[in-house]
Amino acid sequence: MRFIKKMKVSTMLGSGFASVIIISLCVTILGRSQLISLGNDIELLANRSLNNLLIT
């Protein structure tokens, strides 16, 4: 805790902003991978289920 109290305000603001950017990047990467997975699942369901419905 002493280390944080001795930091300059500009250093604390910079490190806080950097951590927000890192967290945002992680959320973005996770969201993109989940959207890609969802798109693949929808495409699979559309191709398989639609073909089964059209054939019968």
N, C-alpha and C. Protein backbone atom coordinates (compact mmCIF):
# COMPACT_ATOMS: atom_id res chain seq x y z
N MET A 1 0.82 -1.20 0.00
CA MET A 1 0.00 0.00 0.00
C MET A 1 0.86 1.25 0.00
N ARG A 2 2.02 1.21 0.63
CA ARG A 2 2.88 2.37 0.69
C ARG A 2 3.32 2.78 -0.71
N PHE A 3 3.54 1.79 -1.57
CA PHE A 3 3.96 2.06 -2.94
C PHE A 3 2.91 2.89 -3.68
N ILE A 4 1.64 2.55 -3.47
CA ILE A 4 0.56 3.28 -4.14
C ILE A 4 0.47 4.71 -3.62
N LYS A 5 0.68 4.91 -2.36
CA LYS A 5 0.60 6.25 -1.79
C LYS A 5 1.74 7.14 -2.28
N LYS A 6 2.87 6.54 -2.62
CA LYS A 6 4.02 7.33 -3.08
C LYS A 6 3.97 7.64 -4.57
N MET A 7 3.06 7.00 -5.30
CA MET A 7 2.98 7.22 -6.75
C MET A 7 2.45 8.62 -7.05
N LYS A 8 2.90 9.18 -8.17
CA LYS A 8 2.38 10.47 -8.61
C LYS A 8 0.98 10.27 -9.16
N VAL A 9 0.23 11.35 -9.20
CA VAL A 9 -1.14 11.30 -9.70
C VAL A 9 -1.13 10.89 -11.17
N SER A 10 -0.20 11.44 -11.94
CA SER A 10 -0.15 11.12 -13.37
C SER A 10 0.16 9.64 -13.59
N THR A 11 1.00 9.05 -12.75
CA THR A 11 1.33 7.63 -12.86
C THR A 11 0.11 6.78 -12.51
N MET A 12 -0.61 7.18 -11.47
CA MET A 12 -1.80 6.43 -11.09
C MET A 12 -2.87 6.52 -12.18
N LEU A 13 -3.06 7.70 -12.76
CA LEU A 13 -4.03 7.85 -13.83
C LEU A 13 -3.62 7.04 -15.06
N GLY A 14 -2.34 7.06 -15.38
CA GLY A 14 -1.85 6.30 -16.53
C GLY A 14 -2.01 4.81 -16.35
N SER A 15 -1.68 4.32 -15.17
CA SER A 15 -1.82 2.88 -14.93
C SER A 15 -3.29 2.47 -14.87
N GLY A 16 -4.14 3.33 -14.34
CA GLY A 16 -5.57 3.04 -14.33
C GLY A 16 -6.14 3.00 -15.73
N PHE A 17 -5.73 3.94 -16.56
CA PHE A 17 -6.21 3.97 -17.94
C PHE A 17 -5.68 2.76 -18.72
N ALA A 18 -4.44 2.38 -18.47
CA ALA A 18 -3.87 1.21 -19.15
C ALA A 18 -4.62 -0.06 -18.74
N SER A 19 -4.99 -0.17 -17.47
CA SER A 19 -5.72 -1.37 -17.06
C SER A 19 -7.13 -1.40 -17.66
N VAL A 20 -7.75 -0.24 -17.83
CA VAL A 20 -9.07 -0.20 -18.48
C VAL A 20 -8.93 -0.65 -19.93
N ILE A 21 -7.89 -0.22 -20.62
CA ILE A 21 -7.67 -0.61 -22.01
C ILE A 21 -7.42 -2.11 -22.10
N ILE A 22 -6.63 -2.67 -21.20
CA ILE A 22 -6.34 -4.12 -21.22
C ILE A 22 -7.62 -4.92 -20.97
N ILE A 23 -8.43 -4.50 -20.02
CA ILE A 23 -9.69 -5.19 -19.74
C ILE A 23 -10.62 -5.10 -20.95
N SER A 24 -10.67 -3.93 -21.58
CA SER A 24 -11.52 -3.76 -22.77
C SER A 24 -11.06 -4.67 -23.90
N LEU A 25 -9.77 -4.81 -24.10
CA LEU A 25 -9.26 -5.70 -25.13
C LEU A 25 -9.63 -7.15 -24.84
N CYS A 26 -9.53 -7.55 -23.59
CA CYS A 26 -9.90 -8.92 -23.23
C CYS A 26 -11.38 -9.18 -23.48
N VAL A 27 -12.23 -8.24 -23.12
CA VAL A 27 -13.66 -8.38 -23.35
C VAL A 27 -13.97 -8.42 -24.84
N THR A 28 -13.27 -7.59 -25.61
CA THR A 28 -13.47 -7.56 -27.06
C THR A 28 -13.08 -8.88 -27.70
N ILE A 29 -11.94 -9.43 -27.31
CA ILE A 29 -11.47 -10.70 -27.87
C ILE A 29 -12.43 -11.83 -27.50
N LEU A 30 -12.87 -11.86 -26.26
CA LEU A 30 -13.81 -12.89 -25.82
C LEU A 30 -15.14 -12.76 -26.56
N GLY A 31 -15.64 -11.54 -26.69
CA GLY A 31 -16.90 -11.33 -27.39
C GLY A 31 -16.82 -11.72 -28.85
N ARG A 32 -15.71 -11.38 -29.49
CA ARG A 32 -15.55 -11.74 -30.91
C ARG A 32 -15.49 -13.25 -31.10
N SER A 33 -14.78 -13.93 -30.22
CA SER A 33 -14.70 -15.39 -30.35
C SER A 33 -16.06 -16.04 -30.12
N GLN A 34 -16.83 -15.50 -29.19
CA GLN A 34 -18.16 -16.05 -28.93
C GLN A 34 -19.11 -15.77 -30.10
N LEU A 35 -18.99 -14.60 -30.73
CA LEU A 35 -19.82 -14.30 -31.88
C LEU A 35 -19.47 -15.19 -33.07
N ILE A 36 -18.20 -15.47 -33.26
CA ILE A 36 -17.79 -16.38 -34.33
C ILE A 36 -18.36 -17.77 -34.08
N SER A 37 -18.27 -18.23 -32.84
CA SER A 37 -18.81 -19.54 -32.48
C SER A 37 -20.33 -19.57 -32.68
N LEU A 38 -21.01 -18.52 -32.30
CA LEU A 38 -22.45 -18.45 -32.48
C LEU A 38 -22.81 -18.46 -33.96
N GLY A 39 -22.05 -17.73 -34.77
CA GLY A 39 -22.29 -17.71 -36.20
C GLY A 39 -22.13 -19.08 -36.83
N ASN A 40 -21.10 -19.80 -36.40
CA ASN A 40 -20.90 -21.16 -36.90
C ASN A 40 -22.04 -22.08 -36.50
N ASP A 41 -22.51 -21.95 -35.27
CA ASP A 41 -23.63 -22.78 -34.81
C ASP A 41 -24.92 -22.46 -35.58
N ILE A 42 -25.16 -21.19 -35.83
CA ILE A 42 -26.36 -20.80 -36.58
C ILE A 42 -26.29 -21.31 -38.00
N GLU A 43 -25.10 -21.20 -38.60
CA GLU A 43 -24.94 -21.71 -39.97
C GLU A 43 -25.17 -23.22 -40.03
N LEU A 44 -24.64 -23.94 -39.05
CA LEU A 44 -24.82 -25.39 -39.00
C LEU A 44 -26.30 -25.74 -38.84
N LEU A 45 -26.97 -25.07 -37.91
CA LEU A 45 -28.39 -25.33 -37.71
C LEU A 45 -29.21 -24.98 -38.94
N ALA A 46 -28.88 -23.87 -39.57
CA ALA A 46 -29.63 -23.45 -40.75
C ALA A 46 -29.46 -24.44 -41.89
N ASN A 47 -28.25 -24.90 -42.11
CA ASN A 47 -28.00 -25.84 -43.20
C ASN A 47 -28.63 -27.21 -42.93
N ARG A 48 -28.45 -27.73 -41.72
CA ARG A 48 -28.95 -29.05 -41.40
C ARG A 48 -30.46 -29.06 -41.21
N SER A 49 -30.96 -28.16 -40.39
CA SER A 49 -32.39 -28.16 -40.06
C SER A 49 -33.23 -27.69 -41.24
N LEU A 50 -32.75 -26.70 -41.98
CA LEU A 50 -33.52 -26.23 -43.12
C LEU A 50 -33.59 -27.29 -44.21
N ASN A 51 -32.51 -27.99 -44.42
CA ASN A 51 -32.52 -29.06 -45.40
C ASN A 51 -33.49 -30.18 -45.00
N ASN A 52 -33.52 -30.50 -43.73
CA ASN A 52 -34.45 -31.54 -43.24
C ASN A 52 -35.90 -31.07 -43.40
N LEU A 53 -36.16 -29.81 -43.16
CA LEU A 53 -37.53 -29.31 -43.30
C LEU A 53 -37.97 -29.26 -44.76
N LEU A 54 -37.05 -28.91 -45.64
CA LEU A 54 -37.40 -28.79 -47.06
C LEU A 54 -37.57 -30.16 -47.71
N ILE A 55 -36.83 -31.16 -47.24
CA ILE A 55 -36.90 -32.48 -47.83
C ILE A 55 -38.21 -33.17 -47.46
N THR A 56 -38.67 -33.00 -46.23
CA THR A 56 -39.88 -33.70 -45.78
C THR A 56 -41.13 -32.98 -46.14
